Amino acid sequence: MGLTDTTMILTVSLITIFLFQISAFTFIQSGISRSHTTTLWGIRCEDKFYQLEEREDQECSTTELYLQLNRNVDFGDTDGPKPIEVEGQWQVEPGTDNFSMTVRRKFSSGQEGTDMGEFQFEILREYRGEMTMVGESVAITGIMLNKDEIFGDKEVGFFNMIDGTKERESYALEGRFKFEIDETKGLRLSELAAVSGRSNESQDLNIIGDFGNWQPGIAGPGGYDPMEVFQALPPAMADAFRNRNSAQLSAALAGMDREEAEYYMQGCIDGGLWIQQQATQQQQQLGPGGLDPYEVLETLPPAMAEAFRKQDLELLNRVVSQMDRSEVEYHIKRCEAAGLWG
């Protein structure tokens, strides 16, 4: 092999090494670029609670909402006009931090008996904005557009969405339930009567009275035959009426579902087996704040009432974390005034 051949081989080898280095460098640079792009759109806005602030002309309103994983939107309380129906969907443009959300609200207006009468109308809004991180929270800011099939899209205002998830999670009630619970039946009727302070221990279901002096064949005040009513009673209730034992009746009612107990006690009243009396002011010893515990329990939101019936503090805190703070404070203050919580 001559000098010329050796020189050519060396030159080719150097070129090959040089091209390999360029290829490797390009690959590394490409990998950095992809990683960097992923970081830029890594903001996760789903599965979070937000306060949606809308500004249109001189009007401003705030609505609580929750962005579901399935791209639907749940709506909570609002201090703006209250729709009769509302639905929404959201999305993020792939590879960006561009956020968009559409919200359709249906309202009712007008009044029957007037020239216009009562009518309904819908408003469809699109929210376009950019997601940013403020500390550990997500913030979304952008414009609002009114969507109209005839006149097209028109910018009508601005919006902000503030992540309120951590604030919700940090809100935990401190206190204890102040009545006994039967986990299988919910609130025990006899215990509730004791809490409300009514004197007669057989007065569950807000019934205050005593056993009636009924006679077979003579219809009660409701037109029912007392013997037929008695024979239809569950065994435990029948024994209590046979023995005229109020404690036994109270225990029988406590072991029944409320609707069932109400049904049979109403039959006893109509048949004259039980004589109902109206409560006097002295008999109705209310909670420390003057509220009836049973009435307060009945006015609680269903999920909150369930937590009270189950005496489950963890469940109660999960429930209130999804409620408006002012609504929670309102109900808890009433529970304290009724002696149900403290």
Foldseek 3Di string as FASTA:
>chain_A
DDPVVVVVVVVVVVVVVVVVVVVVVVVVVVVVVVVVLCVQQVDDDAQFKKWKWWDFDPDIKTWIWHQHPVQWIDTADMPDDDFPDKIKGKDADPSHQKIKMKMKGKHWDDDDPDPVHIDMDIWIKMWIWGWDDDDPWIKTKGWIWTADPPPGIDTGTIMMITTCRVVLLVDADDWFFQWDADQVQFRQQLRLLVLQQADQSLQGPVFDFFFFPDDAPDAAQLRHGQVVLLVPDDPQCNVCLVVSPSNSNSVVLRPDHVVVSVVSVVSCRRRRRTPGDHDDPVRRRFAQLPDAQVVLLVPDDPQCSRCLRNRPSVSNSVVSSPHDPVVVVVSVVNCNRRSGID
